Amino acid sequence: MVERFFRYITVYLRDGRFASVRELESSITTFMALRNTQPTRYVWNVKGEKFLNKIQRAREVLQAVQAVQDK
């Protein structure tokens, strides 16, 4: 869900030309206002076991990378 949010805001801001930080902030505020006019509820549809397995695989990869770096 967070990844989608950042994808949407990136697409929204990508074509913009901002002369100042204030203009960028204003554009972000506008994006949030538009997005909040029709909020959608996030529905979690991943089984807990599948999610935990994914976390375990990520830990194993991280440990393998750290082991290589420690050598």
Protein backbone atom coordinates (compact mmCIF):
# COMPACT_ATOMS: atom_id res chain seq x y z
CA MET A 1 0.00 0.00 0.00
CA VAL A 2 2.78 2.42 0.86
CA GLU A 3 4.53 1.58 -2.40
CA ARG A 4 1.38 2.43 -4.34
CA PHE A 5 1.03 5.75 -2.56
CA PHE A 6 4.58 6.76 -3.46
CA ARG A 7 4.09 5.55 -7.03
CA TYR A 8 0.97 7.73 -7.37
CA ILE A 9 2.57 10.81 -5.87
CA THR A 10 5.70 10.31 -7.97
CA VAL A 11 3.65 10.16 -11.16
CA TYR A 12 1.70 13.24 -10.05
CA LEU A 13 4.85 15.24 -9.31
CA ARG A 14 7.11 13.94 -12.08
CA ASP A 15 5.92 16.30 -14.79
CA GLY A 16 5.90 19.31 -12.53
CA ARG A 17 8.39 22.14 -12.67
CA PHE A 18 8.98 23.66 -9.28
CA ALA A 19 10.78 26.95 -8.89
CA SER A 20 10.88 26.61 -5.12
CA VAL A 21 10.32 24.25 -2.24
CA ARG A 22 7.13 26.16 -1.49
CA GLU A 23 5.75 25.27 -4.94
CA LEU A 24 6.64 21.61 -4.41
CA GLU A 25 4.97 21.62 -1.00
CA SER A 26 1.90 23.23 -2.50
CA SER A 27 1.73 20.56 -5.18
CA ILE A 28 2.04 17.79 -2.58
CA THR A 29 -0.71 19.40 -0.50
CA THR A 30 -2.93 19.59 -3.59
CA PHE A 31 -2.25 15.93 -4.35
CA MET A 32 -3.23 14.94 -0.81
CA ALA A 33 -6.40 17.03 -0.95
CA LEU A 34 -7.43 15.46 -4.25
CA ARG A 35 -6.59 11.97 -3.02
CA ASN A 36 -8.58 12.45 0.18
CA THR A 37 -11.75 13.51 -1.64
CA GLN A 38 -12.42 9.85 -2.48
CA PRO A 39 -10.56 7.77 0.08
CA THR A 40 -10.48 4.02 -0.39
CA ARG A 41 -10.19 1.56 2.42
CA TYR A 42 -7.29 -0.85 2.26
CA VAL A 43 -8.35 -4.47 2.54
CA TRP A 44 -5.67 -6.88 3.66
CA ASN A 45 -5.92 -9.98 1.51
CA VAL A 46 -2.72 -11.86 2.28
CA LYS A 47 -2.85 -14.89 4.51
CA GLY A 48 -0.79 -14.46 7.66
CA GLU A 49 1.27 -17.58 7.00
CA LYS A 50 2.22 -16.42 3.51
CA PHE A 51 3.26 -13.03 4.86
CA LEU A 52 5.36 -14.57 7.64
CA ASN A 53 7.04 -16.90 5.12
CA LYS A 54 7.95 -13.89 3.00
CA ILE A 55 9.50 -12.19 6.02
CA GLN A 56 11.48 -15.34 6.82
CA ARG A 57 12.82 -15.56 3.26
CA ALA A 58 13.85 -11.90 3.41
CA ARG A 59 15.68 -12.51 6.69
CA GLU A 60 17.52 -15.47 5.21
CA VAL A 61 18.65 -13.41 2.22
CA LEU A 62 19.75 -10.57 4.49
CA GLN A 63 21.71 -12.96 6.70
CA ALA A 64 23.41 -14.47 3.64
CA VAL A 65 24.39 -11.02 2.37
CA GLN A 66 25.69 -10.01 5.79
CA ALA A 67 27.70 -13.25 6.05
CA VAL A 68 29.38 -12.52 2.71
CA GLN A 69 30.14 -8.94 3.75
CA ASP A 70 31.62 -10.08 7.07
CA LYS A 71 34.22 -12.27 5.34
